[in-house]
Protein backbone atom coordinates (compact mmCIF):
# COMPACT_ATOMS: atom_id res chain seq x y z
CA MET A 1 0.21 -0.23 0.24
CA ALA A 2 1.54 3.43 -0.90
CA GLY A 3 1.26 5.59 2.52
CA THR A 4 3.66 6.73 4.88
CA LEU A 5 6.07 4.77 7.90
CA VAL A 6 6.36 6.22 11.10
CA VAL A 7 9.78 4.91 12.31
CA ALA A 8 8.98 4.78 15.90
CA GLU A 9 11.99 5.30 18.56
CA ILE A 10 12.26 3.51 22.39
CA ALA A 11 14.26 3.29 24.59
CA ASP A 12 14.26 1.10 28.00
CA GLY A 13 11.32 -0.32 26.54
CA LYS A 14 8.94 3.00 26.36
CA VAL A 15 8.40 5.02 23.10
CA LYS A 16 10.51 8.19 23.09
CA LYS A 17 8.13 11.23 22.94
CA THR A 18 10.04 12.61 19.18
CA THR A 19 8.17 9.67 17.96
CA GLN A 20 4.75 11.76 18.52
CA SER A 21 6.18 14.72 15.92
CA ALA A 22 6.84 11.56 12.67
CA ILE A 23 3.24 11.25 13.62
CA THR A 24 1.99 14.70 13.18
CA PHE A 25 4.20 14.71 9.96
CA ALA A 26 2.29 11.68 9.00
CA ARG A 27 -1.23 13.25 9.33
CA GLN A 28 -0.05 16.78 7.80
CA VAL A 29 1.13 14.58 4.80
CA GLY A 30 -2.86 12.40 5.01
CA GLY A 31 -3.22 9.64 3.45
CA PRO A 32 -2.56 5.73 5.44
CA PHE A 33 -0.29 5.50 7.85
CA ALA A 34 1.72 3.54 9.67
CA VAL A 35 4.18 2.76 12.68
CA VAL A 36 7.21 0.22 13.23
CA VAL A 37 8.82 -0.26 16.48
CA VAL A 38 11.93 -1.87 16.25
CA GLY A 39 13.96 -2.77 19.03
CA SER A 40 14.29 -4.51 22.27
CA GLY A 41 10.88 -4.77 23.91
CA ALA A 42 8.81 -3.77 20.85
CA ALA A 43 6.10 -5.39 21.46
CA GLY A 44 5.25 -3.54 24.42
CA ALA A 45 6.31 -0.63 23.31
CA ALA A 46 3.73 -0.90 20.07
CA LYS A 47 0.82 -0.93 22.64
CA GLU A 48 1.36 2.69 23.63
CA LEU A 49 1.16 3.58 19.90
CA ALA A 50 -1.97 1.97 18.83
CA GLY A 51 -4.16 4.78 19.89
CA PHE A 52 -2.45 7.21 17.27
CA GLY A 53 -4.93 6.15 14.62
CA ALA A 54 -2.30 4.64 12.53
CA GLN A 55 -3.83 1.46 9.67
CA LYS A 56 -1.09 -0.96 12.23
CA VAL A 57 1.41 -1.31 14.79
CA ILE A 58 4.78 -3.37 13.82
CA ALA A 59 6.49 -4.90 16.38
CA VAL A 60 9.98 -6.22 15.43
CA ASP A 61 11.49 -7.83 18.74
CA SER A 62 15.48 -7.57 17.54
CA PRO A 63 18.32 -7.04 20.31
CA ALA A 64 19.68 -4.66 17.90
CA LEU A 65 21.33 -1.38 18.92
CA VAL A 66 23.37 0.13 16.40
CA CYS A 67 21.59 1.50 12.77
CA GLU A 68 24.26 -0.93 10.88
CA LYS A 69 22.11 -3.44 12.25
CA LEU A 70 18.68 -1.33 12.22
CA ALA A 71 18.61 -0.01 9.05
CA PRO A 72 18.05 -3.44 6.67
CA THR A 73 14.63 -4.09 9.55
CA VAL A 74 13.24 -0.75 8.39
CA ALA A 75 13.44 -1.19 5.07
CA LYS A 76 12.07 -4.94 4.61
CA VAL A 77 9.85 -2.82 6.06
CA ALA A 78 8.60 -0.68 4.02
CA LYS A 79 9.09 -2.53 0.89
CA ASP A 80 7.12 -5.47 2.35
CA GLY A 81 4.02 -2.78 2.73
CA GLY A 82 4.77 -0.72 -0.11
CA PHE A 83 5.04 1.97 1.62
CA ASP A 84 6.32 5.86 -0.15
CA THR A 85 7.34 7.56 2.29
CA VAL A 86 9.22 6.63 5.23
CA VAL A 87 9.73 9.13 8.14
CA VAL A 88 11.71 9.45 11.33
CA THR A 89 12.48 12.39 14.02
CA ALA A 90 15.43 14.26 13.31
CA SER A 91 17.08 13.29 16.33
CA SER A 92 20.11 11.71 16.66
CA TYR A 93 19.07 8.53 16.35
CA GLY A 94 16.77 9.41 13.54
CA LYS A 95 19.42 11.62 11.88
CA ASP A 96 21.78 8.34 12.24
CA LEU A 97 19.09 5.16 10.95
CA ALA A 98 17.57 7.58 8.12
CA PRO A 99 20.16 8.12 5.29
CA ARG A 100 20.68 4.22 6.01
CA VAL A 101 17.26 3.31 5.11
CA ALA A 102 17.71 5.85 2.36
CA VAL A 103 20.25 3.84 0.38
CA LYS A 104 19.04 0.30 0.95
CA LEU A 105 15.64 1.75 -0.39
CA GLY A 106 17.41 3.24 -3.39
CA ALA A 107 15.50 7.18 -1.65
CA GLY A 108 15.86 10.06 -1.26
CA TYR A 109 16.10 11.55 1.30
CA ALA A 110 14.79 14.93 2.59
CA PRO A 111 16.75 15.79 6.35
CA ASP A 112 15.39 17.99 9.22
CA ILE A 113 13.25 19.83 7.57
CA ASN A 114 10.38 22.16 9.05
CA LEU A 115 7.18 22.17 6.91
CA VAL A 116 5.72 20.10 4.63
CA LYS A 117 3.33 21.05 1.66
CA VAL A 118 1.06 17.99 -0.22
CA ASP A 119 -0.18 19.23 -3.65
CA GLY A 120 -1.45 16.95 -6.11
CA GLY A 121 0.23 14.16 -4.75
CA LYS A 122 3.22 15.40 -4.74
CA LYS A 123 5.33 17.12 -1.40
CA LEU A 124 7.51 19.57 -1.30
CA TYR A 125 9.64 20.05 1.94
CA ARG A 126 10.95 23.12 3.96
CA ARG A 127 14.64 22.92 5.11
CA PRO A 128 16.69 25.65 6.97
CA MET A 129 19.63 26.59 5.77
CA TYR A 130 22.89 29.41 6.93
CA ALA A 131 22.08 28.82 10.57
CA GLY A 132 17.85 29.41 9.86
CA ASN A 133 18.68 32.75 8.37
CA ALA A 134 16.96 31.00 5.12
CA PHE A 135 14.88 28.52 4.31
CA GLY A 136 15.49 26.26 0.83
CA TRP A 137 12.11 24.23 -0.77
CA LEU A 138 13.09 20.49 -2.29
CA GLU A 139 11.61 17.51 -3.70
CA VAL A 140 12.43 14.54 -3.76
CA THR A 141 11.73 12.62 -7.28
CA THR A 142 12.62 9.02 -6.04
CA PRO A 143 9.33 6.76 -6.40
CA VAL A 144 10.31 6.42 -2.06
CA GLN A 145 11.34 9.14 -0.46
CA VAL A 146 13.72 9.65 3.29
CA VAL A 147 12.49 12.35 5.89
CA SER A 148 13.43 13.56 8.98
CA VAL A 149 11.41 16.23 10.57
CA ARG A 150 12.15 18.81 13.44
CA GLN A 151 10.69 17.62 16.80
CA THR A 152 10.88 21.84 17.68
CA GLU A 153 8.38 22.16 14.32
CA PHE A 154 6.30 19.66 14.74
CA PRO A 155 4.61 19.01 17.90
CA ALA A 156 3.68 16.05 19.03
CA ALA A 157 0.85 14.30 18.22
CA GLU A 158 -1.84 13.35 20.44
CA ALA A 159 -3.93 10.01 20.71
CA SER A 160 -6.41 9.68 18.86
CA GLY A 161 -8.70 7.31 20.40
CA GLY A 162 -9.15 3.95 18.75
CA ALA A 163 -6.76 0.94 19.16
CA SER A 164 -4.62 0.25 16.24
CA PRO A 165 -3.80 -3.54 15.20
CA VAL A 166 0.31 -4.56 16.92
CA GLU A 167 2.02 -7.16 14.04
CA ASN A 168 4.85 -9.07 14.84
CA ALA A 169 7.48 -8.88 11.89
CA SER A 170 10.64 -10.98 11.95
CA PRO A 171 14.14 -8.90 11.92
CA ALA A 172 16.08 -8.67 8.36
CA PRO A 173 19.06 -10.91 8.18
CA ASP A 174 22.63 -9.35 9.08
CA GLU A 175 24.42 -7.31 6.04
CA PRO A 176 27.79 -7.52 5.72
CA ALA A 177 28.74 -3.99 7.00
CA ALA A 178 26.62 -4.50 10.28
CA ALA A 179 28.76 -7.65 11.62
CA ARG A 180 31.32 -4.45 11.50
CA ALA A 181 30.00 -2.55 14.38
CA GLU A 182 29.77 -4.29 17.31
CA HIS A 183 27.76 -1.81 20.29
CA LEU A 184 30.36 -1.96 23.54
CA LYS A 185 28.43 -0.28 25.96
CA LEU A 186 25.28 2.52 26.52
CA VAL A 187 26.40 5.83 28.85
CA THR A 188 23.35 7.40 30.22
CA GLY A 189 23.58 10.35 32.55
CA SER A 190 20.83 10.10 34.92
CA SER A 191 18.60 13.53 36.15
CA GLU A 192 16.14 15.16 37.78
CA ARG A 193 15.55 17.64 35.41
CA PRO A 194 13.04 17.23 31.86
CA ASP A 195 14.82 16.08 29.19
CA LEU A 196 16.33 19.11 27.21
CA GLY A 197 14.73 18.02 24.21
CA GLU A 198 11.17 17.73 26.01
CA ALA A 199 11.24 20.44 28.16
CA ARG A 200 8.59 23.25 28.98
CA VAL A 201 10.90 25.77 30.39
CA VAL A 202 15.00 25.69 29.80
CA VAL A 203 17.11 27.58 31.11
CA SER A 204 20.68 28.14 29.55
CA GLY A 205 23.77 30.18 29.78
CA GLY A 206 26.94 31.54 28.50
CA ARG A 207 30.65 31.50 29.21
CA SER A 208 30.43 34.48 30.88
CA LEU A 209 29.23 32.68 33.98
CA LYS A 210 32.77 30.21 34.02
CA GLU A 211 33.08 28.66 37.17
CA GLN A 212 29.88 29.61 39.06
CA PHE A 213 27.27 28.27 36.00
CA LYS A 214 26.07 24.99 38.12
CA GLN A 215 26.00 27.94 41.03
CA VAL A 216 24.26 30.28 39.65
CA LEU A 217 21.69 28.84 37.14
CA GLU A 218 20.43 25.41 39.17
CA PRO A 219 18.71 26.93 41.33
CA LEU A 220 16.86 29.11 38.97
CA ALA A 221 16.07 26.00 36.61
CA ASP A 222 14.65 24.42 40.35
CA ALA A 223 12.52 27.16 40.69
CA LEU A 224 10.63 26.79 37.45
CA GLY A 225 11.28 23.00 36.77
CA ALA A 226 13.67 23.54 33.84
CA ALA A 227 15.98 22.03 31.88
CA ILE A 228 19.41 23.36 31.64
CA GLY A 229 21.21 24.80 28.52
CA ALA A 230 24.19 25.90 27.47
CA SER A 231 26.10 27.44 24.43
CA ARG A 232 29.07 26.48 22.54
CA ALA A 233 31.51 28.47 24.02
CA ALA A 234 30.54 27.09 27.88
CA CYS A 235 30.86 23.71 26.37
CA ASP A 236 34.08 24.49 25.15
CA ALA A 237 35.67 26.15 28.49
CA GLY A 238 34.56 23.49 30.12
CA TYR A 239 32.01 25.25 32.01
CA ALA A 240 28.67 22.99 31.33
CA ALA A 241 28.94 19.22 29.56
CA PRO A 242 28.99 18.91 26.10
CA GLU A 243 25.53 17.53 25.99
CA LEU A 244 23.87 20.56 26.98
CA GLN A 245 24.59 22.80 23.66
CA VAL A 246 22.40 24.54 22.28
CA GLY A 247 22.75 25.12 18.86
CA GLN A 248 23.33 24.60 15.22
CA THR A 249 25.86 21.72 16.29
CA GLY A 250 24.23 20.61 19.47
CA ARG A 251 20.48 20.48 20.52
CA THR A 252 17.68 22.37 18.68
CA VAL A 253 14.90 23.10 21.53
CA ALA A 254 11.33 24.61 21.11
CA PRO A 255 10.48 24.68 25.03
CA GLN A 256 7.44 27.38 26.02
CA LEU A 257 9.60 29.65 28.31
CA TYR A 258 13.38 29.62 27.22
CA ILE A 259 15.97 32.11 29.92
CA ALA A 260 19.31 32.89 27.82
CA VAL A 261 21.55 33.56 31.07
CA GLY A 262 24.72 35.40 29.56
CA ILE A 263 24.47 35.17 26.28
CA SER A 264 25.30 36.73 23.66
CA GLY A 265 23.39 35.14 20.82
CA ALA A 266 25.37 34.41 18.31
CA ILE A 267 23.55 32.90 15.21
CA GLN A 268 24.72 29.11 15.42
CA HIS A 269 23.23 29.67 19.19
CA ILE A 270 20.28 31.40 17.85
CA ALA A 271 19.41 28.17 15.00
CA GLY A 272 19.05 25.70 18.52
CA MET A 273 16.09 28.01 20.39
CA LYS A 274 14.72 30.92 18.15
CA GLY A 275 11.88 28.11 17.97
CA SER A 276 11.29 29.04 21.29
CA LYS A 277 7.68 30.41 22.36
CA VAL A 278 9.24 33.03 24.78
CA ILE A 279 12.73 34.59 25.23
CA VAL A 280 13.94 36.06 27.69
CA ALA A 281 17.32 37.39 28.05
CA ILE A 282 19.54 38.36 31.22
CA ASN A 283 22.77 40.48 29.99
CA LYS A 284 24.56 43.21 31.17
CA ASP A 285 25.41 43.81 27.00
CA PRO A 286 22.50 46.51 25.79
CA ASP A 287 23.75 45.20 22.41
CA ALA A 288 23.83 41.71 23.04
CA PRO A 289 22.39 40.24 19.24
CA ILE A 290 20.40 38.41 21.78
CA PHE A 291 18.20 40.57 22.95
CA GLN A 292 16.79 41.14 18.73
CA ILE A 293 14.42 38.22 19.21
CA ALA A 294 14.21 37.95 22.90
CA ASP A 295 10.71 38.97 24.33
CA TYR A 296 11.75 40.30 27.33
CA GLY A 297 15.06 41.45 27.96
CA LEU A 298 17.19 42.60 31.31
CA VAL A 299 20.07 44.35 31.40
CA GLN A 300 21.92 44.20 33.83
CA ASP A 301 24.98 41.97 35.72
CA LEU A 302 23.68 38.29 35.63
CA PHE A 303 24.99 37.29 39.18
CA VAL A 304 22.85 40.30 40.74
CA ALA A 305 19.73 39.56 38.57
CA VAL A 306 19.45 35.97 38.31
CA PRO A 307 19.76 35.41 42.53
CA GLU A 308 17.16 37.91 42.78
CA LEU A 309 14.92 36.43 40.52
CA VAL A 310 15.52 32.83 42.25
CA THR A 311 14.35 34.73 46.02
CA GLU A 312 11.58 36.39 44.73
CA LEU A 313 10.33 32.16 42.40
CA LYS A 314 10.14 31.14 45.66
CA SER A 315 8.78 33.73 47.25
CA ARG A 316 5.58 33.38 45.06
CA SER A 317 6.03 29.77 44.57
């Protein structure tokens, strides 16, 4: 059947919220869509997706953890089902998987798109260029298309009711390339804070915080129930962990509230957060570029302003 195949992302047997952005894309395109869940515990995770309106949810239980071993299975499901579009969210997982699936399907690849238009059955994709300062439209002319969508531009789909049937499928045999890829271990950090990519509130700090990065930002994040982000300069200087980087070469976020503390607003950082609904900037430099996109700006020494803000928030909570 022609239609869209949504590739789910799972972790620890649970569906990640990123999957719902890919489902939103499938709904916008229109027509039938199915969801494939590949990984350990896929059958249980597939049940979580039964209420989103898919024609079916395909569960492929597999111990594979690297995309060299996952891609053949996704490509097989797409071929067997006759899907003409395969979509993933442009997370680190999706960006790793999608090009490999495209090669196996002989498909054109539209990466990191933020808008889709359907005109007479023809799909046009828009994607950011030049660090988000321009947008380009592209058309994929191959019979099968692979697409990765920005989570910040395609909001998480809500369950639509009903119960899609869940089918089990077998993984594809390993290919020669997969034999050369070995999963050694997964190292994850544990935190009580929300995930940076899914948080409703993000508090980010720049290099000017120096060694007081955590001392200044953590109380504010705690008061707001926020995730913590950082500029590349702060990460490069060692004041913040690399996984906290927001920007063109880091994470792309679009929370309801983004507070930039001591961040000047380099174009690379703005590319990763300008989709935020409300942007608040705190910087002592009145000419900082961040104020050009901020909804609210405070020109003050951050080492004075942030503690005062925390005190005020605590008094109101």
